[in-house]
């Protein structure tokens, strides 16, 4: 089967979430006068990321809703039982700094241009449609994707096969004709492979431990410039592997 479409993760795949989040939180904590409680800026940023990851996991497991995970991130970080209104206000002030740093990775537009004629494109994210719709529009790429699906509206999150299959249904294609590109080795890489898609795991830093290779596991790349060759080869069917 020929791969006819690519479904994309957003954060840390197309959009440099980590850089924007770190820069935004650094500016926010400075403005809020909260850095004095930490030995270093890095310690404060690491704690915010740890809390974010934990609350996102709760959201993905259905233990919290979209607004709830945001509020709980703030409450846990500050160690205060804030009201919803106060937690929302704190998070909005952070968002102003975070959004100032929004940017695509440099390899995104070239690969979208290279694949514009040969492949259809969609997005599947463990976020909300409202959040990712706005983000993609601000970044100038929303019109590149014919479908946008997110966990908050689907009621199921990656790595569940149902999430990947929902994206395939939105495109009207079987999983064997769809590739998925994401940055997380398990949630994206292993999840898409187990769901029967051509799984492409982008490991930009090249520091993660491989979780398996073709024919059943994800293809590991370090730049989206490698993606067209992976799609042409489609090593599930015996072509030389690009997994490193």
Protein backbone atom coordinates (compact mmCIF):
# COMPACT_ATOMS: atom_id res chain seq x y z
CA UNK A 1 0.00 0.00 0.00
CA UNK A 2 1.16 3.52 -0.81
CA UNK A 3 1.20 6.10 1.98
CA UNK A 4 -1.18 8.82 0.82
CA UNK A 5 -1.39 11.06 3.88
CA UNK A 6 0.68 12.31 6.78
CA UNK A 7 -0.89 13.01 10.16
CA UNK A 8 1.15 15.30 12.39
CA UNK A 9 1.64 15.94 16.07
CA UNK A 10 2.01 19.66 16.84
CA UNK A 11 3.96 20.45 20.00
CA UNK A 12 7.69 19.74 19.66
CA UNK A 13 7.07 18.29 16.20
CA UNK A 14 5.90 21.25 14.10
CA UNK A 15 5.94 23.90 16.81
CA UNK A 16 8.93 24.46 19.12
CA UNK A 17 6.89 24.13 22.30
CA UNK A 18 9.79 23.46 24.66
CA UNK A 19 11.68 26.63 23.73
CA UNK A 20 8.55 28.80 23.87
CA UNK A 21 7.45 27.29 27.19
CA UNK A 22 10.86 27.72 28.83
CA UNK A 23 11.30 31.29 27.61
CA UNK A 24 7.73 32.20 28.50
CA UNK A 25 7.89 30.71 31.98
CA UNK A 26 11.27 32.34 32.66
CA UNK A 27 9.81 35.75 31.75
CA UNK A 28 6.61 35.05 33.69
CA UNK A 29 8.38 33.98 36.89
CA UNK A 30 10.60 37.04 36.68
CA UNK A 31 7.57 39.31 36.28
CA UNK A 32 5.76 37.56 39.15
CA UNK A 33 8.80 37.78 41.45
CA UNK A 34 8.82 34.03 42.02
CA UNK A 35 12.40 33.11 41.21
CA UNK A 36 13.70 33.90 44.69
CA UNK A 37 12.17 30.66 45.93
CA UNK A 38 14.48 28.54 43.75
CA UNK A 39 18.20 27.88 43.75
CA UNK A 40 18.31 28.63 40.02
CA UNK A 41 16.12 29.46 37.06
CA UNK A 42 16.77 25.96 35.72
CA UNK A 43 15.39 24.41 38.89
CA UNK A 44 12.19 26.45 38.58
CA UNK A 45 11.78 25.58 34.89
CA UNK A 46 12.42 21.89 35.55
CA UNK A 47 9.74 21.87 38.26
CA UNK A 48 7.23 23.54 35.93
CA UNK A 49 7.94 20.97 33.21
CA UNK A 50 7.65 18.07 35.67
CA UNK A 51 4.29 19.36 36.90
CA UNK A 52 3.12 20.00 33.35
CA UNK A 53 3.99 16.45 32.29
CA UNK A 54 2.21 14.99 35.33
CA UNK A 55 -0.97 17.02 34.82
CA UNK A 56 -0.98 16.27 31.09
CA UNK A 57 -0.82 12.57 31.92
CA UNK A 58 -3.87 12.98 34.17
CA UNK A 59 -5.70 14.80 31.38
CA UNK A 60 -4.78 12.09 28.86
CA UNK A 61 -6.08 9.44 31.27
CA UNK A 62 -9.42 11.24 31.59
CA UNK A 63 -8.78 12.24 35.21
CA UNK A 64 -9.02 15.97 34.47
CA UNK A 65 -10.53 18.22 31.82
CA UNK A 66 -8.73 20.82 29.68
CA UNK A 67 -9.24 23.78 32.02
CA UNK A 68 -8.74 21.62 35.08
CA UNK A 69 -5.27 20.46 34.10
CA UNK A 70 -4.22 24.07 33.58
CA UNK A 71 -5.53 25.13 36.96
CA UNK A 72 -3.94 22.16 38.68
CA UNK A 73 -0.58 22.98 37.11
CA UNK A 74 -0.76 26.45 38.67
CA UNK A 75 -1.94 25.22 42.07
CA UNK A 76 0.72 22.55 42.30
CA UNK A 77 3.48 24.89 41.15
CA UNK A 78 2.53 27.64 43.61
CA UNK A 79 1.55 25.24 46.40
CA UNK A 80 -1.65 27.21 46.99
CA UNK A 81 -5.34 26.18 46.86
CA UNK A 82 -6.24 28.96 44.43
CA UNK A 83 -9.78 29.57 43.23
CA UNK A 84 -10.49 28.79 39.58
CA UNK A 85 -10.55 32.50 38.78
CA UNK A 86 -7.15 33.18 40.36
CA UNK A 87 -5.57 30.11 38.77
CA UNK A 88 -6.97 31.12 35.37
CA UNK A 89 -5.65 34.66 35.76
CA UNK A 90 -2.14 33.39 36.66
CA UNK A 91 -2.14 31.05 33.68
CA UNK A 92 -3.30 33.82 31.31
CA UNK A 93 -0.37 35.99 32.43
CA UNK A 94 1.98 33.09 31.68
CA UNK A 95 0.35 32.56 28.26
CA UNK A 96 1.12 36.14 27.24
CA UNK A 97 4.85 35.44 27.69
CA UNK A 98 4.65 31.94 26.21
CA UNK A 99 2.85 33.03 23.05
CA UNK A 100 5.43 35.75 22.41
CA UNK A 101 7.92 32.95 21.67
CA UNK A 102 5.81 30.86 19.29
CA UNK A 103 7.73 29.60 16.26
CA UNK A 104 7.83 26.67 13.85
CA UNK A 105 10.95 24.55 13.65
CA UNK A 106 13.06 25.62 10.62
CA UNK A 107 12.55 22.28 8.83
CA UNK A 108 8.72 22.42 8.90
CA UNK A 109 7.85 24.66 5.94
CA UNK A 110 10.39 23.01 3.60
CA UNK A 111 8.98 19.53 4.24
CA UNK A 112 5.35 20.68 3.99
CA UNK A 113 6.21 22.31 0.66
CA UNK A 114 8.02 19.17 -0.54
CA UNK A 115 5.03 16.95 0.31
CA UNK A 116 2.24 19.37 -0.63
CA UNK A 117 1.39 17.69 -3.94
CA UNK A 118 2.19 14.08 -3.12
CA UNK A 119 0.46 13.70 0.27
CA UNK A 120 -2.61 14.89 2.14
CA UNK A 121 -2.06 16.30 5.63
CA UNK A 122 -3.91 16.34 8.97
CA UNK A 123 -3.17 16.93 12.66
CA UNK A 124 -3.77 14.68 15.67
CA UNK A 125 -2.83 16.22 19.03
CA UNK A 126 -3.34 15.39 22.71
CA UNK A 127 -4.59 18.94 23.20
CA UNK A 128 -7.80 20.80 22.34
CA UNK A 129 -9.03 21.96 18.94
CA UNK A 130 -9.44 25.53 20.20
CA UNK A 131 -5.84 25.60 21.41
CA UNK A 132 -4.22 24.03 18.35
CA UNK A 133 -6.48 25.75 15.79
CA UNK A 134 -5.40 29.14 17.07
CA UNK A 135 -1.76 28.12 17.32
CA UNK A 136 -1.60 26.82 13.75
CA UNK A 137 -3.32 29.95 12.44
CA UNK A 138 -0.91 32.26 14.29
CA UNK A 139 2.00 30.21 12.90
CA UNK A 140 0.54 30.54 9.38
CA UNK A 141 0.08 26.85 8.57
CA UNK A 142 -3.52 25.97 9.43
CA UNK A 143 -4.50 25.81 5.75
CA UNK A 144 -1.90 23.08 5.19
CA UNK A 145 -4.03 20.54 7.09
CA UNK A 146 -7.43 19.33 5.93
CA UNK A 147 -8.38 17.90 9.33
CA UNK A 148 -7.53 18.79 12.93
CA UNK A 149 -8.38 16.30 15.67
CA UNK A 150 -7.57 16.67 19.37
CA UNK A 151 -7.97 14.52 22.46
CA UNK A 152 -10.17 16.98 24.33
CA UNK A 153 -12.89 16.65 21.69
CA UNK A 154 -12.28 13.04 20.68
CA UNK A 155 -12.52 11.76 24.24
CA UNK A 156 -9.50 9.53 23.65
CA UNK A 157 -5.79 10.32 23.68
CA UNK A 158 -2.67 8.98 22.03
CA UNK A 159 -1.26 6.34 22.37
CA UNK A 160 -4.69 4.66 22.19
CA UNK A 161 -5.22 3.16 18.74
CA UNK A 162 -8.68 4.74 18.64
CA UNK A 163 -7.13 8.21 18.44
CA UNK A 164 -4.98 7.32 15.43
CA UNK A 165 -7.85 5.49 13.76
CA UNK A 166 -10.07 8.56 14.20
CA UNK A 167 -7.53 10.58 12.19
CA UNK A 168 -7.53 7.90 9.48
CA UNK A 169 -11.34 7.99 9.31
CA UNK A 170 -11.27 11.78 9.00
CA UNK A 171 -9.10 11.32 5.91
CA UNK A 172 -11.14 8.39 4.60
CA UNK A 173 -8.04 6.20 4.44
CA UNK A 174 -7.04 2.89 6.07
CA UNK A 175 -4.17 3.02 8.60
CA UNK A 176 -1.82 1.34 6.12
CA UNK A 177 -2.06 4.38 3.85
CA UNK A 178 -1.33 6.91 6.59
CA UNK A 179 1.92 7.99 8.22
CA UNK A 180 2.11 9.62 11.65
CA UNK A 181 4.91 11.98 12.68
CA UNK A 182 5.46 12.85 16.33
CA UNK A 183 8.20 13.58 18.87
CA UNK A 184 7.35 11.20 21.72
CA UNK A 185 8.86 7.71 21.34
CA UNK A 186 5.99 5.93 23.11
CA UNK A 187 2.90 8.15 22.81
CA UNK A 188 3.57 8.96 19.16
CA UNK A 189 6.11 6.46 17.89
CA UNK A 190 4.98 3.23 19.47
CA UNK A 191 1.32 4.27 19.57
CA UNK A 192 1.11 4.95 15.83
CA UNK A 193 3.02 1.77 14.96
CA UNK A 194 0.74 -0.36 17.14
CA UNK A 195 -2.28 1.25 15.46
CA UNK A 196 -1.02 0.11 12.05
CA UNK A 197 0.18 3.45 10.68
CA UNK A 198 3.61 4.10 9.20
CA UNK A 199 5.14 5.57 12.35
CA UNK A 200 7.85 8.23 12.12
CA UNK A 201 9.38 9.35 15.41
CA UNK A 202 11.32 12.63 15.21
CA UNK A 203 14.08 12.68 17.82
CA UNK A 204 15.55 16.13 17.17
CA UNK A 205 18.11 15.97 19.95
CA UNK A 206 19.11 12.39 19.16
CA UNK A 207 19.22 11.58 22.87
CA UNK A 208 16.32 9.16 23.39
CA UNK A 209 16.60 5.40 23.58
CA UNK A 210 15.13 3.69 20.54
CA UNK A 211 11.84 1.91 21.17
CA UNK A 212 11.99 -0.46 18.21
CA UNK A 213 12.54 -0.29 14.48
CA UNK A 214 10.88 -1.39 11.26
CA UNK A 215 9.01 -3.45 10.27
CA UNK A 216 6.78 -3.15 13.36
CA UNK A 217 8.20 -0.15 15.20
CA UNK A 218 8.66 3.54 14.45
CA UNK A 219 11.20 4.95 12.01
CA UNK A 220 13.50 7.31 13.89
CA UNK A 221 14.62 10.53 12.21
CA UNK A 222 16.45 13.57 13.59
CA UNK A 223 15.19 16.10 11.04
CA UNK A 224 12.00 16.43 9.02
CA UNK A 225 14.24 16.70 5.96
CA UNK A 226 14.51 12.90 6.24
CA UNK A 227 10.75 12.36 6.05
CA UNK A 228 10.23 12.29 2.25
CA UNK A 229 12.77 9.47 1.89
CA UNK A 230 11.03 7.47 4.64
CA UNK A 231 7.67 7.90 2.93
CA UNK A 232 9.11 6.79 -0.40
CA UNK A 233 10.84 3.75 1.11
CA UNK A 234 8.02 2.69 3.50
CA UNK A 235 10.15 -0.01 5.15
CA UNK A 236 7.13 -1.96 6.41
CA UNK A 237 7.23 -3.62 3.00
CA UNK A 238 10.89 -4.55 2.78
CA UNK A 239 12.73 -1.43 1.68
CA UNK A 240 16.00 -0.51 3.45
CA UNK A 241 15.40 0.87 6.92
CA UNK A 242 16.25 4.44 7.86
CA UNK A 243 16.09 3.67 11.58
CA UNK A 244 19.29 4.65 13.40
